[in-house]
mmCIF file of all heavy atoms, coordinates in Angstrom:
data_MODEL
# 
_entry.id   MODEL 
# 
loop_
_atom_site.group_PDB 
_atom_site.id 
_atom_site.type_symbol 
_atom_site.label_atom_id 
_atom_site.label_alt_id 
_atom_site.label_comp_id 
_atom_site.label_asym_id 
_atom_site.label_entity_id 
_atom_site.label_seq_id 
_atom_site.pdbx_PDB_ins_code 
_atom_site.Cartn_x 
_atom_site.Cartn_y 
_atom_site.Cartn_z 
_atom_site.occupancy 
_atom_site.B_iso_or_equiv 
_atom_site.pdbx_formal_charge 
_atom_site.auth_seq_id 
_atom_site.auth_comp_id 
_atom_site.auth_asym_id 
_atom_site.auth_atom_id 
_atom_site.pdbx_PDB_model_num 
ATOM 1   N N   . TRP A 1 1  ? 119.582 76.773 51.548 1.00 0.00 ? 1  TRP A N   1 
ATOM 2   C CA  . TRP A 1 1  ? 119.850 75.871 50.434 1.00 0.00 ? 1  TRP A CA  1 
ATOM 3   C C   . TRP A 1 1  ? 119.777 74.436 50.912 1.00 0.00 ? 1  TRP A C   1 
ATOM 4   O O   . TRP A 1 1  ? 120.365 74.078 51.948 1.00 0.00 ? 1  TRP A O   1 
ATOM 5   C CB  . TRP A 1 1  ? 121.219 76.148 49.842 1.00 0.00 ? 1  TRP A CB  1 
ATOM 6   C CG  . TRP A 1 1  ? 121.322 77.486 49.156 1.00 0.00 ? 1  TRP A CG  1 
ATOM 7   C CD1 . TRP A 1 1  ? 120.313 78.315 48.814 1.00 0.00 ? 1  TRP A CD1 1 
ATOM 8   C CD2 . TRP A 1 1  ? 122.522 78.125 48.745 1.00 0.00 ? 1  TRP A CD2 1 
ATOM 9   N NE1 . TRP A 1 1  ? 120.795 79.442 48.201 1.00 0.00 ? 1  TRP A NE1 1 
ATOM 10  C CE2 . TRP A 1 1  ? 122.159 79.348 48.141 1.00 0.00 ? 1  TRP A CE2 1 
ATOM 11  C CE3 . TRP A 1 1  ? 123.869 77.802 48.810 1.00 0.00 ? 1  TRP A CE3 1 
ATOM 12  C CZ2 . TRP A 1 1  ? 123.080 80.227 47.614 1.00 0.00 ? 1  TRP A CZ2 1 
ATOM 13  C CZ3 . TRP A 1 1  ? 124.785 78.675 48.279 1.00 0.00 ? 1  TRP A CZ3 1 
ATOM 14  C CH2 . TRP A 1 1  ? 124.393 79.878 47.692 1.00 0.00 ? 1  TRP A CH2 1 
ATOM 15  N N   . PRO A 1 2  ? 119.089 73.571 50.176 1.00 0.00 ? 2  PRO A N   1 
ATOM 16  C CA  . PRO A 1 2  ? 118.870 72.191 50.644 1.00 0.00 ? 2  PRO A CA  1 
ATOM 17  C C   . PRO A 1 2  ? 120.156 71.412 50.915 1.00 0.00 ? 2  PRO A C   1 
ATOM 18  O O   . PRO A 1 2  ? 120.241 70.673 51.885 1.00 0.00 ? 2  PRO A O   1 
ATOM 19  C CB  . PRO A 1 2  ? 118.080 71.544 49.501 1.00 0.00 ? 2  PRO A CB  1 
ATOM 20  C CG  . PRO A 1 2  ? 117.548 72.662 48.692 1.00 0.00 ? 2  PRO A CG  1 
ATOM 21  C CD  . PRO A 1 2  ? 118.408 73.844 48.920 1.00 0.00 ? 2  PRO A CD  1 
ATOM 22  N N   . PHE A 1 3  ? 121.187 71.585 50.091 1.00 0.00 ? 3  PHE A N   1 
ATOM 23  C CA  . PHE A 1 3  ? 122.397 70.775 50.264 1.00 0.00 ? 3  PHE A CA  1 
ATOM 24  C C   . PHE A 1 3  ? 123.327 71.289 51.357 1.00 0.00 ? 3  PHE A C   1 
ATOM 25  O O   . PHE A 1 3  ? 124.217 70.573 51.801 1.00 0.00 ? 3  PHE A O   1 
ATOM 26  C CB  . PHE A 1 3  ? 123.157 70.635 48.934 1.00 0.00 ? 3  PHE A CB  1 
ATOM 27  C CG  . PHE A 1 3  ? 123.558 71.934 48.313 1.00 0.00 ? 3  PHE A CG  1 
ATOM 28  C CD1 . PHE A 1 3  ? 124.778 72.520 48.587 1.00 0.00 ? 3  PHE A CD1 1 
ATOM 29  C CD2 . PHE A 1 3  ? 122.695 72.582 47.436 1.00 0.00 ? 3  PHE A CD2 1 
ATOM 30  C CE1 . PHE A 1 3  ? 125.145 73.713 48.008 1.00 0.00 ? 3  PHE A CE1 1 
ATOM 31  C CE2 . PHE A 1 3  ? 123.053 73.781 46.848 1.00 0.00 ? 3  PHE A CE2 1 
ATOM 32  C CZ  . PHE A 1 3  ? 124.280 74.349 47.139 1.00 0.00 ? 3  PHE A CZ  1 
ATOM 33  N N   . THR A 1 4  ? 123.133 72.520 51.841 1.00 0.00 ? 4  THR A N   1 
ATOM 34  C CA  . THR A 1 4  ? 123.964 73.030 52.938 1.00 0.00 ? 4  THR A CA  1 
ATOM 35  C C   . THR A 1 4  ? 123.171 73.232 54.219 1.00 0.00 ? 4  THR A C   1 
ATOM 36  O O   . THR A 1 4  ? 123.749 73.508 55.259 1.00 0.00 ? 4  THR A O   1 
ATOM 37  C CB  . THR A 1 4  ? 124.612 74.379 52.555 1.00 0.00 ? 4  THR A CB  1 
ATOM 38  O OG1 . THR A 1 4  ? 123.579 75.308 52.240 1.00 0.00 ? 4  THR A OG1 1 
ATOM 39  C CG2 . THR A 1 4  ? 125.556 74.223 51.385 1.00 0.00 ? 4  THR A CG2 1 
ATOM 40  N N   . ALA A 1 5  ? 121.861 73.078 54.136 1.00 0.00 ? 5  ALA A N   1 
ATOM 41  C CA  . ALA A 1 5  ? 121.008 73.323 55.299 1.00 0.00 ? 5  ALA A CA  1 
ATOM 42  C C   . ALA A 1 5  ? 121.373 72.481 56.520 1.00 0.00 ? 5  ALA A C   1 
ATOM 43  O O   . ALA A 1 5  ? 121.350 72.995 57.641 1.00 0.00 ? 5  ALA A O   1 
ATOM 44  C CB  . ALA A 1 5  ? 119.541 73.120 54.938 1.00 0.00 ? 5  ALA A CB  1 
ATOM 45  N N   . PRO A 1 6  ? 121.744 71.191 56.369 1.00 0.00 ? 6  PRO A N   1 
ATOM 46  C CA  . PRO A 1 6  ? 122.083 70.421 57.577 1.00 0.00 ? 6  PRO A CA  1 
ATOM 47  C C   . PRO A 1 6  ? 123.237 71.024 58.380 1.00 0.00 ? 6  PRO A C   1 
ATOM 48  O O   . PRO A 1 6  ? 123.300 70.880 59.592 1.00 0.00 ? 6  PRO A O   1 
ATOM 49  C CB  . PRO A 1 6  ? 122.462 69.042 57.029 1.00 0.00 ? 6  PRO A CB  1 
ATOM 50  C CG  . PRO A 1 6  ? 121.754 68.947 55.720 1.00 0.00 ? 6  PRO A CG  1 
ATOM 51  C CD  . PRO A 1 6  ? 121.712 70.341 55.171 1.00 0.00 ? 6  PRO A CD  1 
ATOM 52  N N   . VAL A 1 7  ? 124.130 71.721 57.714 1.00 0.00 ? 7  VAL A N   1 
ATOM 53  C CA  . VAL A 1 7  ? 125.278 72.318 58.409 1.00 0.00 ? 7  VAL A CA  1 
ATOM 54  C C   . VAL A 1 7  ? 124.914 73.691 58.979 1.00 0.00 ? 7  VAL A C   1 
ATOM 55  O O   . VAL A 1 7  ? 125.233 73.994 60.129 1.00 0.00 ? 7  VAL A O   1 
ATOM 56  C CB  . VAL A 1 7  ? 126.484 72.447 57.446 1.00 0.00 ? 7  VAL A CB  1 
ATOM 57  C CG1 . VAL A 1 7  ? 127.633 73.179 58.119 1.00 0.00 ? 7  VAL A CG1 1 
ATOM 58  C CG2 . VAL A 1 7  ? 126.912 71.088 56.948 1.00 0.00 ? 7  VAL A CG2 1 
ATOM 59  N N   . PHE A 1 8  ? 124.255 74.536 58.179 1.00 0.00 ? 8  PHE A N   1 
ATOM 60  C CA  . PHE A 1 8  ? 124.039 75.921 58.561 1.00 0.00 ? 8  PHE A CA  1 
ATOM 61  C C   . PHE A 1 8  ? 122.700 76.188 59.238 1.00 0.00 ? 8  PHE A C   1 
ATOM 62  O O   . PHE A 1 8  ? 122.567 77.183 59.947 1.00 0.00 ? 8  PHE A O   1 
ATOM 63  C CB  . PHE A 1 8  ? 124.199 76.841 57.335 1.00 0.00 ? 8  PHE A CB  1 
ATOM 64  C CG  . PHE A 1 8  ? 125.614 76.947 56.887 1.00 0.00 ? 8  PHE A CG  1 
ATOM 65  C CD1 . PHE A 1 8  ? 126.094 76.146 55.864 1.00 0.00 ? 8  PHE A CD1 1 
ATOM 66  C CD2 . PHE A 1 8  ? 126.489 77.822 57.507 1.00 0.00 ? 8  PHE A CD2 1 
ATOM 67  C CE1 . PHE A 1 8  ? 127.413 76.235 55.454 1.00 0.00 ? 8  PHE A CE1 1 
ATOM 68  C CE2 . PHE A 1 8  ? 127.800 77.919 57.113 1.00 0.00 ? 8  PHE A CE2 1 
ATOM 69  C CZ  . PHE A 1 8  ? 128.267 77.126 56.083 1.00 0.00 ? 8  PHE A CZ  1 
ATOM 70  N N   . PHE A 1 9  ? 121.693 75.348 59.025 1.00 0.00 ? 9  PHE A N   1 
ATOM 71  C CA  . PHE A 1 9  ? 120.401 75.585 59.647 1.00 0.00 ? 9  PHE A CA  1 
ATOM 72  C C   . PHE A 1 9  ? 120.477 75.578 61.166 1.00 0.00 ? 9  PHE A C   1 
ATOM 73  O O   . PHE A 1 9  ? 119.870 76.427 61.816 1.00 0.00 ? 9  PHE A O   1 
ATOM 74  C CB  . PHE A 1 9  ? 119.352 74.575 59.150 1.00 0.00 ? 9  PHE A CB  1 
ATOM 75  C CG  . PHE A 1 9  ? 117.970 74.892 59.618 1.00 0.00 ? 9  PHE A CG  1 
ATOM 76  C CD1 . PHE A 1 9  ? 117.273 75.975 59.093 1.00 0.00 ? 9  PHE A CD1 1 
ATOM 77  C CD2 . PHE A 1 9  ? 117.363 74.138 60.613 1.00 0.00 ? 9  PHE A CD2 1 
ATOM 78  C CE1 . PHE A 1 9  ? 115.998 76.283 59.531 1.00 0.00 ? 9  PHE A CE1 1 
ATOM 79  C CE2 . PHE A 1 9  ? 116.086 74.437 61.055 1.00 0.00 ? 9  PHE A CE2 1 
ATOM 80  C CZ  . PHE A 1 9  ? 115.409 75.511 60.511 1.00 0.00 ? 9  PHE A CZ  1 
ATOM 81  N N   . PRO A 1 10 ? 121.251 74.649 61.786 1.00 0.00 ? 10 PRO A N   1 
ATOM 82  C CA  . PRO A 1 10 ? 121.358 74.709 63.253 1.00 0.00 ? 10 PRO A CA  1 
ATOM 83  C C   . PRO A 1 10 ? 121.953 76.032 63.763 1.00 0.00 ? 10 PRO A C   1 
ATOM 84  O O   . PRO A 1 10 ? 121.595 76.499 64.836 1.00 0.00 ? 10 PRO A O   1 
ATOM 85  C CB  . PRO A 1 10 ? 122.279 73.538 63.595 1.00 0.00 ? 10 PRO A CB  1 
ATOM 86  C CG  . PRO A 1 10 ? 122.150 72.607 62.444 1.00 0.00 ? 10 PRO A CG  1 
ATOM 87  C CD  . PRO A 1 10 ? 121.915 73.475 61.240 1.00 0.00 ? 10 PRO A CD  1 
ATOM 88  N N   . ILE A 1 11 ? 122.828 76.645 62.980 1.00 0.00 ? 11 ILE A N   1 
ATOM 89  C CA  . ILE A 1 11 ? 123.420 77.921 63.388 1.00 0.00 ? 11 ILE A CA  1 
ATOM 90  C C   . ILE A 1 11 ? 122.341 79.001 63.411 1.00 0.00 ? 11 ILE A C   1 
ATOM 91  O O   . ILE A 1 11 ? 122.242 79.782 64.350 1.00 0.00 ? 11 ILE A O   1 
ATOM 92  C CB  . ILE A 1 11 ? 124.563 78.324 62.426 1.00 0.00 ? 11 ILE A CB  1 
ATOM 93  C CG1 . ILE A 1 11 ? 125.715 77.328 62.546 1.00 0.00 ? 11 ILE A CG1 1 
ATOM 94  C CG2 . ILE A 1 11 ? 125.037 79.749 62.712 1.00 0.00 ? 11 ILE A CG2 1 
ATOM 95  C CD1 . ILE A 1 11 ? 126.793 77.512 61.512 1.00 0.00 ? 11 ILE A CD1 1 
ATOM 96  N N   . THR A 1 12 ? 121.514 79.029 62.352 1.00 0.00 ? 12 THR A N   1 
ATOM 97  C CA  . THR A 1 12 ? 120.485 80.063 62.293 1.00 0.00 ? 12 THR A CA  1 
ATOM 98  C C   . THR A 1 12 ? 119.400 79.828 63.344 1.00 0.00 ? 12 THR A C   1 
ATOM 99  O O   . THR A 1 12 ? 118.774 80.777 63.794 1.00 0.00 ? 12 THR A O   1 
ATOM 100 C CB  . THR A 1 12 ? 119.847 80.137 60.891 1.00 0.00 ? 12 THR A CB  1 
ATOM 101 O OG1 . THR A 1 12 ? 119.262 78.878 60.573 1.00 0.00 ? 12 THR A OG1 1 
ATOM 102 C CG2 . THR A 1 12 ? 120.875 80.525 59.851 1.00 0.00 ? 12 THR A CG2 1 
ATOM 103 N N   . GLU A 1 13 ? 119.188 78.581 63.715 1.00 0.00 ? 13 GLU A N   1 
ATOM 104 C CA  . GLU A 1 13 ? 118.221 78.293 64.777 1.00 0.00 ? 13 GLU A CA  1 
ATOM 105 C C   . GLU A 1 13 ? 118.780 78.697 66.140 1.00 0.00 ? 13 GLU A C   1 
ATOM 106 O O   . GLU A 1 13 ? 118.051 79.151 67.006 1.00 0.00 ? 13 GLU A O   1 
ATOM 107 C CB  . GLU A 1 13 ? 117.853 76.802 64.783 1.00 0.00 ? 13 GLU A CB  1 
ATOM 108 C CG  . GLU A 1 13 ? 116.943 76.401 63.650 1.00 0.00 ? 13 GLU A CG  1 
ATOM 109 C CD  . GLU A 1 13 ? 115.587 77.091 63.743 1.00 0.00 ? 13 GLU A CD  1 
ATOM 110 O OE1 . GLU A 1 13 ? 114.956 77.065 64.813 1.00 0.00 ? 13 GLU A OE1 1 
ATOM 111 O OE2 . GLU A 1 13 ? 115.182 77.669 62.717 1.00 0.00 ? 13 GLU A OE2 1 
ATOM 112 N N   . ALA A 1 14 ? 120.090 78.528 66.322 1.00 0.00 ? 14 ALA A N   1 
ATOM 113 C CA  . ALA A 1 14 ? 120.726 78.879 67.595 1.00 0.00 ? 14 ALA A CA  1 
ATOM 114 C C   . ALA A 1 14 ? 120.862 80.391 67.758 1.00 0.00 ? 14 ALA A C   1 
ATOM 115 O O   . ALA A 1 14 ? 120.918 80.892 68.874 1.00 0.00 ? 14 ALA A O   1 
ATOM 116 C CB  . ALA A 1 14 ? 122.095 78.219 67.701 1.00 0.00 ? 14 ALA A CB  1 
ATOM 117 N N   . ILE A 1 15 ? 120.929 81.113 66.641 1.00 0.00 ? 15 ILE A N   1 
ATOM 118 C CA  . ILE A 1 15 ? 121.076 82.571 66.681 1.00 0.00 ? 15 ILE A CA  1 
ATOM 119 C C   . ILE A 1 15 ? 119.849 83.181 66.003 1.00 0.00 ? 15 ILE A C   1 
ATOM 120 O O   . ILE A 1 15 ? 119.873 83.488 64.814 1.00 0.00 ? 15 ILE A O   1 
ATOM 121 C CB  . ILE A 1 15 ? 122.360 83.027 65.960 1.00 0.00 ? 15 ILE A CB  1 
ATOM 122 C CG1 . ILE A 1 15 ? 123.574 82.286 66.468 1.00 0.00 ? 15 ILE A CG1 1 
ATOM 123 C CG2 . ILE A 1 15 ? 122.536 84.537 66.113 1.00 0.00 ? 15 ILE A CG2 1 
ATOM 124 C CD1 . ILE A 1 15 ? 124.820 82.535 65.659 1.00 0.00 ? 15 ILE A CD1 1 
ATOM 125 N N   . PRO A 1 16 ? 118.756 83.351 66.732 1.00 0.00 ? 16 PRO A N   1 
ATOM 126 C CA  . PRO A 1 16 ? 117.580 83.948 66.106 1.00 0.00 ? 16 PRO A CA  1 
ATOM 127 C C   . PRO A 1 16 ? 117.828 85.425 65.791 1.00 0.00 ? 16 PRO A C   1 
ATOM 128 O O   . PRO A 1 16 ? 118.553 86.107 66.502 1.00 0.00 ? 16 PRO A O   1 
ATOM 129 C CB  . PRO A 1 16 ? 116.490 83.790 67.157 1.00 0.00 ? 16 PRO A CB  1 
ATOM 130 C CG  . PRO A 1 16 ? 117.219 83.717 68.449 1.00 0.00 ? 16 PRO A CG  1 
ATOM 131 C CD  . PRO A 1 16 ? 118.545 83.062 68.141 1.00 0.00 ? 16 PRO A CD  1 
ATOM 132 N N   . GLY A 1 17 ? 117.254 85.878 64.727 1.00 0.00 ? 17 GLY A N   1 
ATOM 133 C CA  . GLY A 1 17 ? 117.358 87.293 64.408 1.00 0.00 ? 17 GLY A CA  1 
ATOM 134 C C   . GLY A 1 17 ? 118.605 87.685 63.647 1.00 0.00 ? 17 GLY A C   1 
ATOM 135 O O   . GLY A 1 17 ? 119.067 88.820 63.773 1.00 0.00 ? 17 GLY A O   1 
ATOM 136 N N   . ILE A 1 18 ? 119.161 86.783 62.851 1.00 0.00 ? 18 ILE A N   1 
ATOM 137 C CA  . ILE A 1 18 ? 120.353 87.124 62.067 1.00 0.00 ? 18 ILE A CA  1 
ATOM 138 C C   . ILE A 1 18 ? 120.097 88.353 61.183 1.00 0.00 ? 18 ILE A C   1 
ATOM 139 O O   . ILE A 1 18 ? 120.964 89.225 61.098 1.00 0.00 ? 18 ILE A O   1 
ATOM 140 C CB  . ILE A 1 18 ? 120.861 85.911 61.265 1.00 0.00 ? 18 ILE A CB  1 
ATOM 141 C CG1 . ILE A 1 18 ? 121.541 84.925 62.222 1.00 0.00 ? 18 ILE A CG1 1 
ATOM 142 C CG2 . ILE A 1 18 ? 121.826 86.334 60.172 1.00 0.00 ? 18 ILE A CG2 1 
ATOM 143 C CD1 . ILE A 1 18 ? 122.102 83.689 61.563 1.00 0.00 ? 18 ILE A CD1 1 
ATOM 144 N N   . PRO A 1 19 ? 118.932 88.471 60.537 1.00 0.00 ? 19 PRO A N   1 
ATOM 145 C CA  . PRO A 1 19 ? 118.714 89.696 59.747 1.00 0.00 ? 19 PRO A CA  1 
ATOM 146 C C   . PRO A 1 19 ? 118.753 90.975 60.604 1.00 0.00 ? 19 PRO A C   1 
ATOM 147 O O   . PRO A 1 19 ? 119.233 92.010 60.146 1.00 0.00 ? 19 PRO A O   1 
ATOM 148 C CB  . PRO A 1 19 ? 117.319 89.490 59.148 1.00 0.00 ? 19 PRO A CB  1 
ATOM 149 C CG  . PRO A 1 19 ? 117.123 88.013 59.130 1.00 0.00 ? 19 PRO A CG  1 
ATOM 150 C CD  . PRO A 1 19 ? 117.857 87.504 60.336 1.00 0.00 ? 19 PRO A CD  1 
ATOM 151 N N   . GLU A 1 20 ? 118.263 90.885 61.837 1.00 0.00 ? 20 GLU A N   1 
ATOM 152 C CA  . GLU A 1 20 ? 118.321 92.062 62.715 1.00 0.00 ? 20 GLU A CA  1 
ATOM 153 C C   . GLU A 1 20 ? 119.768 92.418 63.048 1.00 0.00 ? 20 GLU A C   1 
ATOM 154 O O   . GLU A 1 20 ? 120.142 93.592 63.056 1.00 0.00 ? 20 GLU A O   1 
ATOM 155 C CB  . GLU A 1 20 ? 117.536 91.811 64.011 1.00 0.00 ? 20 GLU A CB  1 
ATOM 156 C CG  . GLU A 1 20 ? 116.037 91.867 63.839 1.00 0.00 ? 20 GLU A CG  1 
ATOM 157 C CD  . GLU A 1 20 ? 115.422 90.562 63.337 1.00 0.00 ? 20 GLU A CD  1 
ATOM 158 O OE1 . GLU A 1 20 ? 116.150 89.543 63.233 1.00 0.00 ? 20 GLU A OE1 1 
ATOM 159 O OE2 . GLU A 1 20 ? 114.222 90.557 63.039 1.00 0.00 ? 20 GLU A OE2 1 
ATOM 160 N N   . TYR A 1 21 ? 120.603 91.389 63.302 1.00 0.00 ? 21 TYR A N   1 
ATOM 161 C CA  . TYR A 1 21 ? 122.007 91.659 63.597 1.00 0.00 ? 21 TYR A CA  1 
ATOM 162 C C   . TYR A 1 21 ? 122.713 92.276 62.391 1.00 0.00 ? 21 TYR A C   1 
ATOM 163 O O   . TYR A 1 21 ? 123.571 93.145 62.543 1.00 0.00 ? 21 TYR A O   1 
ATOM 164 C CB  . TYR A 1 21 ? 122.731 90.394 64.057 1.00 0.00 ? 21 TYR A CB  1 
ATOM 165 C CG  . TYR A 1 21 ? 122.259 89.910 65.408 1.00 0.00 ? 21 TYR A CG  1 
ATOM 166 C CD1 . TYR A 1 21 ? 121.841 88.601 65.591 1.00 0.00 ? 21 TYR A CD1 1 
ATOM 167 C CD2 . TYR A 1 21 ? 122.218 90.765 66.497 1.00 0.00 ? 21 TYR A CD2 1 
ATOM 168 C CE1 . TYR A 1 21 ? 121.399 88.158 66.833 1.00 0.00 ? 21 TYR A CE1 1 
ATOM 169 C CE2 . TYR A 1 21 ? 121.773 90.340 67.736 1.00 0.00 ? 21 TYR A CE2 1 
ATOM 170 C CZ  . TYR A 1 21 ? 121.368 89.024 67.897 1.00 0.00 ? 21 TYR A CZ  1 
ATOM 171 O OH  . TYR A 1 21 ? 120.921 88.605 69.110 1.00 0.00 ? 21 TYR A OH  1 
ATOM 172 N N   . ALA A 1 22 ? 122.344 91.838 61.194 1.00 0.00 ? 22 ALA A N   1 
ATOM 173 C CA  . ALA A 1 22 ? 122.913 92.446 59.989 1.00 0.00 ? 22 ALA A CA  1 
ATOM 174 C C   . ALA A 1 22 ? 122.496 93.925 59.912 1.00 0.00 ? 22 ALA A C   1 
ATOM 175 O O   . ALA A 1 22 ? 123.299 94.777 59.534 1.00 0.00 ? 22 ALA A O   1 
ATOM 176 C CB  . ALA A 1 22 ? 122.466 91.690 58.745 1.00 0.00 ? 22 ALA A CB  1 
ATOM 177 N N   . GLY A 1 23 ? 121.260 94.216 60.292 1.00 0.00 ? 23 GLY A N   1 
ATOM 178 C CA  . GLY A 1 23 ? 120.802 95.611 60.315 1.00 0.00 ? 23 GLY A CA  1 
ATOM 179 C C   . GLY A 1 23 ? 121.547 96.440 61.352 1.00 0.00 ? 23 GLY A C   1 
ATOM 180 O O   . GLY A 1 23 ? 121.915 97.593 61.086 1.00 0.00 ? 23 GLY A O   1 
ATOM 181 N N   . TYR A 1 24 ? 121.782 95.872 62.522 1.00 0.00 ? 24 TYR A N   1 
ATOM 182 C CA  . TYR A 1 24 ? 122.549 96.592 63.550 1.00 0.00 ? 24 TYR A CA  1 
ATOM 183 C C   . TYR A 1 24 ? 123.974 96.864 63.054 1.00 0.00 ? 24 TYR A C   1 
ATOM 184 O O   . TYR A 1 24 ? 124.520 97.955 63.267 1.00 0.00 ? 24 TYR A O   1 
ATOM 185 C CB  . TYR A 1 24 ? 122.630 95.794 64.850 1.00 0.00 ? 24 TYR A CB  1 
ATOM 186 C CG  . TYR A 1 24 ? 121.307 95.410 65.451 1.00 0.00 ? 24 TYR A CG  1 
ATOM 187 C CD1 . TYR A 1 24 ? 121.181 94.245 66.213 1.00 0.00 ? 24 TYR A CD1 1 
ATOM 188 C CD2 . TYR A 1 24 ? 120.167 96.187 65.284 1.00 0.00 ? 24 TYR A CD2 1 
ATOM 189 C CE1 . TYR A 1 24 ? 119.975 93.874 66.776 1.00 0.00 ? 24 TYR A CE1 1 
ATOM 190 C CE2 . TYR A 1 24 ? 118.957 95.823 65.842 1.00 0.00 ? 24 TYR A CE2 1 
ATOM 191 C CZ  . TYR A 1 24 ? 118.859 94.669 66.583 1.00 0.00 ? 24 TYR A CZ  1 
ATOM 192 O OH  . TYR A 1 24 ? 117.674 94.292 67.139 1.00 0.00 ? 24 TYR A OH  1 
ATOM 193 N N   . ALA A 1 25 ? 124.553 95.868 62.390 1.00 0.00 ? 25 ALA A N   1 
ATOM 194 C CA  . ALA A 1 25 ? 125.912 96.043 61.859 1.00 0.00 ? 25 ALA A CA  1 
ATOM 195 C C   . ALA A 1 25 ? 125.928 97.107 60.761 1.00 0.00 ? 25 ALA A C   1 
ATOM 196 O O   . ALA A 1 25 ? 126.902 97.854 60.635 1.00 0.00 ? 25 ALA A O   1 
ATOM 197 C CB  . ALA A 1 25 ? 126.454 94.715 61.336 1.00 0.00 ? 25 ALA A CB  1 
# 
């Protein structure tokens, strides 16, 4: 989302593969 991306985008860049981790969970 454009208005929250500055806060959360760095997290998703630092943790690649979030969808894979959701699948493992």
